[in-house]
């Protein structure tokens, strides 16, 4: 498959995605100098022959997205990247019932409380 090297004005999203997929050396990526949002952590602007384009790339899934600086980070926040969704800020392990109460301070009451909490959660 031969891809011609058109100018910025005629380079389509499909052509850019193809160049990215082929690891073409004329394509490069960089974060804009004046970014303020942490959404940019997973994105970079696409450059063709060192000329900035109106496209960005998701660092996780390598999908090219149309982006205009005047629209801010809207396209990034609406991108449905399956790889990004897998990373979660939730704890790796769920807290156990015993972590909510100190067993030593409740002694005899502890088994009753634990049973009631378990029943309430199951029902």
Foldseek 3Di string as FASTA:
>chain_A
DDDDDDDQVPQDLVNVLVCVVVVPPQKDWAADPDDDDCLCVQKTFIGGNNHTHQWMAGNQPRHIDGHDVVVPCVVSVPDDDPRVVVDDPDDPDDDDPCVVDPCVVCPPCVVVVNVVVVVVVVD
